């Protein structure tokens, strides 16, 4: 059995190691030393279909006064070692910097109609990392149609980052944020 004095360091792709002068330099920021990032806005926690419906109606009123409303979208669900992915538990929506909605859908019998209408509204554009997979999961869990939405009104930030940075990374939101905050700073996403 070999004994290692030091753990091996991960090497990043060359495009992630360029400094402002275009020279290679290894990105070594320790993710455990991140400054505390906090959300200073309002979080609306919706546990019932009625609360979720009211929140969605509020968003619908907001979009009527705009040409387009971009919404940050993410979902969470439990993953079990033996049984795999559980049903969607939480949907997170942010339509502006100071407001975030948390829909605790695992507490609901079904998705509120207002939420389904919100997803189908032509003025909404959904953005997120791996968002297409989230929407396909939502379709499987609740039997709603998402293909037209995915084809026309979804921006996957991981795909956008890969196009912008000319890479082929599989991004998590955490890694993408770290790259934007601590990355080489030569390109904006």
Protein backbone atom coordinates (compact mmCIF):
# COMPACT_ATOMS: atom_id res chain seq x y z
CA UNK A 1 0.00 0.00 0.00
CA UNK A 2 1.48 3.33 -1.07
CA UNK A 3 1.60 6.21 1.35
CA UNK A 4 1.10 9.70 -0.06
CA UNK A 5 2.69 12.64 1.69
CA UNK A 6 0.35 15.19 0.06
CA UNK A 7 -3.07 14.87 -1.52
CA UNK A 8 -2.93 15.33 -5.28
CA UNK A 9 -3.97 18.73 -6.56
CA UNK A 10 -6.55 18.99 -9.30
CA UNK A 11 -5.43 20.62 -12.51
CA UNK A 12 -7.87 22.90 -14.26
CA UNK A 13 -8.25 23.20 -18.03
CA UNK A 14 -6.00 25.81 -19.65
CA UNK A 15 -8.88 28.20 -20.43
CA UNK A 16 -9.63 28.47 -16.69
CA UNK A 17 -6.03 29.32 -15.84
CA UNK A 18 -5.42 32.37 -18.07
CA UNK A 19 -4.71 35.65 -16.32
CA UNK A 20 -5.50 39.12 -17.73
CA UNK A 21 -2.35 38.99 -19.89
CA UNK A 22 -3.42 35.67 -21.41
CA UNK A 23 -0.78 33.68 -19.54
CA UNK A 24 -1.49 30.40 -17.79
CA UNK A 25 -1.78 30.49 -14.02
CA UNK A 26 -3.40 27.79 -11.91
CA UNK A 27 -6.68 28.81 -10.27
CA UNK A 28 -6.16 27.87 -6.63
CA UNK A 29 -8.93 29.57 -4.67
CA UNK A 30 -9.96 27.44 -1.70
CA UNK A 31 -13.76 27.12 -1.75
CA UNK A 32 -13.75 26.76 2.04
CA UNK A 33 -12.49 30.34 2.31
CA UNK A 34 -15.36 31.95 0.38
CA UNK A 35 -16.66 35.13 1.89
CA UNK A 36 -20.15 34.71 3.23
CA UNK A 37 -22.52 35.50 0.42
CA UNK A 38 -25.95 36.38 1.66
CA UNK A 39 -29.26 37.24 0.10
CA UNK A 40 -30.46 40.57 1.45
CA UNK A 41 -33.86 40.49 -0.23
CA UNK A 42 -37.21 39.00 0.72
CA UNK A 43 -37.87 35.27 0.63
CA UNK A 44 -41.50 34.21 0.18
CA UNK A 45 -41.93 30.66 1.44
CA UNK A 46 -45.03 28.99 -0.03
CA UNK A 47 -46.10 25.71 1.54
CA UNK A 48 -49.67 25.38 0.24
CA UNK A 49 -51.25 25.44 -3.21
CA UNK A 50 -53.08 28.63 -2.23
CA UNK A 51 -49.87 30.44 -1.17
CA UNK A 52 -48.08 29.29 -4.33
CA UNK A 53 -51.04 30.38 -6.45
CA UNK A 54 -51.02 33.88 -4.92
CA UNK A 55 -47.28 34.21 -5.51
CA UNK A 56 -47.66 33.13 -9.14
CA UNK A 57 -50.53 35.58 -9.67
CA UNK A 58 -48.26 38.34 -8.33
CA UNK A 59 -45.57 37.34 -10.84
CA UNK A 60 -48.17 37.28 -13.62
CA UNK A 61 -49.15 40.88 -12.78
CA UNK A 62 -45.48 41.86 -12.82
CA UNK A 63 -44.89 40.41 -16.29
CA UNK A 64 -47.90 42.19 -17.82
CA UNK A 65 -46.06 45.53 -17.52
CA UNK A 66 -42.88 44.24 -19.19
CA UNK A 67 -41.83 42.99 -22.58
CA UNK A 68 -40.07 40.00 -21.03
CA UNK A 69 -39.39 38.82 -17.48
CA UNK A 70 -36.29 36.71 -16.83
CA UNK A 71 -36.72 34.30 -13.93
CA UNK A 72 -33.97 32.42 -12.14
CA UNK A 73 -35.19 28.84 -11.70
CA UNK A 74 -33.89 25.89 -9.71
CA UNK A 75 -35.30 22.73 -8.16
CA UNK A 76 -34.27 20.42 -5.34
CA UNK A 77 -35.26 16.83 -4.61
CA UNK A 78 -34.03 14.04 -2.38
CA UNK A 79 -31.72 11.40 -3.80
CA UNK A 80 -31.69 8.01 -2.13
CA UNK A 81 -28.81 5.58 -2.56
CA UNK A 82 -31.08 2.57 -3.12
CA UNK A 83 -34.15 4.04 -4.81
CA UNK A 84 -32.69 6.96 -6.81
CA UNK A 85 -34.26 10.38 -7.24
CA UNK A 86 -37.33 11.23 -5.21
CA UNK A 87 -40.11 13.57 -6.28
CA UNK A 88 -39.40 17.30 -6.63
CA UNK A 89 -39.42 18.85 -3.17
CA UNK A 90 -38.65 22.54 -3.69
CA UNK A 91 -38.86 24.98 -6.59
CA UNK A 92 -36.95 28.26 -6.30
CA UNK A 93 -37.87 31.25 -8.45
CA UNK A 94 -36.29 34.71 -8.46
CA UNK A 95 -37.79 37.31 -10.77
CA UNK A 96 -35.79 40.23 -9.41
CA UNK A 97 -32.69 40.74 -7.29
CA UNK A 98 -34.59 41.45 -4.09
CA UNK A 99 -37.33 38.79 -4.21
CA UNK A 100 -37.14 35.01 -4.13
CA UNK A 101 -40.02 32.53 -3.99
CA UNK A 102 -39.64 29.06 -2.52
CA UNK A 103 -42.43 26.66 -3.47
CA UNK A 104 -42.35 23.65 -1.15
CA UNK A 105 -44.15 21.41 -3.63
CA UNK A 106 -43.56 18.22 -1.67
CA UNK A 107 -46.17 19.59 0.76
CA UNK A 108 -48.71 20.04 -2.07
CA UNK A 109 -50.97 17.44 -3.64
CA UNK A 110 -50.36 18.86 -7.13
CA UNK A 111 -48.82 21.84 -8.84
CA UNK A 112 -51.14 24.85 -8.64
CA UNK A 113 -52.72 25.84 -11.96
CA UNK A 114 -51.32 29.36 -11.51
CA UNK A 115 -47.79 27.90 -11.49
CA UNK A 116 -48.45 25.88 -14.64
CA UNK A 117 -49.86 29.02 -16.34
CA UNK A 118 -46.78 30.96 -15.22
CA UNK A 119 -44.50 28.40 -16.90
CA UNK A 120 -46.52 28.60 -20.11
CA UNK A 121 -46.68 32.42 -20.26
CA UNK A 122 -44.89 33.63 -23.42
CA UNK A 123 -43.25 36.62 -21.69
CA UNK A 124 -41.37 34.54 -19.12
CA UNK A 125 -37.83 33.34 -19.81
CA UNK A 126 -36.36 30.83 -17.36
CA UNK A 127 -32.63 30.74 -16.63
CA UNK A 128 -30.58 28.35 -14.52
CA UNK A 129 -27.76 25.82 -14.50
CA UNK A 130 -28.87 22.44 -15.89
CA UNK A 131 -32.36 23.92 -16.08
CA UNK A 132 -33.49 21.69 -18.93
CA UNK A 133 -32.95 18.61 -16.76
CA UNK A 134 -34.87 20.29 -13.93
CA UNK A 135 -37.81 20.94 -16.23
CA UNK A 136 -37.80 17.38 -17.60
CA UNK A 137 -37.87 16.15 -13.99
CA UNK A 138 -40.79 18.48 -13.25
CA UNK A 139 -42.58 16.99 -16.24
CA UNK A 140 -42.00 13.42 -15.04
CA UNK A 141 -43.01 14.22 -11.45
CA UNK A 142 -46.16 16.22 -12.21
CA UNK A 143 -47.17 15.27 -15.76
CA UNK A 144 -46.91 18.75 -17.26
CA UNK A 145 -45.72 19.51 -20.79
CA UNK A 146 -42.36 21.30 -20.86
CA UNK A 147 -40.98 20.62 -24.35
CA UNK A 148 -42.27 23.90 -25.92
CA UNK A 149 -40.87 25.83 -22.97
CA UNK A 150 -37.46 24.16 -23.23
CA UNK A 151 -37.30 24.75 -26.98
CA UNK A 152 -38.10 28.46 -26.87
CA UNK A 153 -37.84 30.16 -23.46
CA UNK A 154 -35.05 28.55 -21.46
CA UNK A 155 -31.43 29.64 -21.10
CA UNK A 156 -29.10 27.08 -19.55
CA UNK A 157 -26.33 29.08 -17.89
CA UNK A 158 -23.95 26.11 -18.08
CA UNK A 159 -24.38 25.94 -21.85
CA UNK A 160 -24.03 29.73 -22.11
CA UNK A 161 -20.82 29.61 -20.05
CA UNK A 162 -19.41 26.88 -22.29
CA UNK A 163 -20.24 28.87 -25.44
CA UNK A 164 -18.81 32.08 -23.98
CA UNK A 165 -15.70 30.48 -22.52
CA UNK A 166 -15.28 27.97 -25.37
CA UNK A 167 -15.20 25.04 -23.00
CA UNK A 168 -16.95 21.75 -22.42
CA UNK A 169 -17.38 21.84 -18.65
CA UNK A 170 -20.24 20.30 -16.73
CA UNK A 171 -21.10 23.23 -14.48
CA UNK A 172 -22.76 23.33 -11.12
CA UNK A 173 -24.11 26.67 -9.94
CA UNK A 174 -21.43 26.73 -7.24
CA UNK A 175 -18.56 26.18 -9.69
CA UNK A 176 -19.95 28.71 -12.16
CA UNK A 177 -20.30 31.38 -9.47
CA UNK A 178 -16.77 30.69 -8.24
CA UNK A 179 -15.45 31.03 -11.78
CA UNK A 180 -17.29 34.31 -12.34
CA UNK A 181 -16.20 35.75 -8.97
CA UNK A 182 -12.64 34.43 -8.77
CA UNK A 183 -11.92 33.46 -12.36
CA UNK A 184 -9.53 35.18 -14.71
CA UNK A 185 -11.83 38.17 -15.27
CA UNK A 186 -11.00 38.45 -18.97
CA UNK A 187 -14.46 37.46 -20.16
CA UNK A 188 -17.87 38.30 -18.85
CA UNK A 189 -20.67 35.77 -18.90
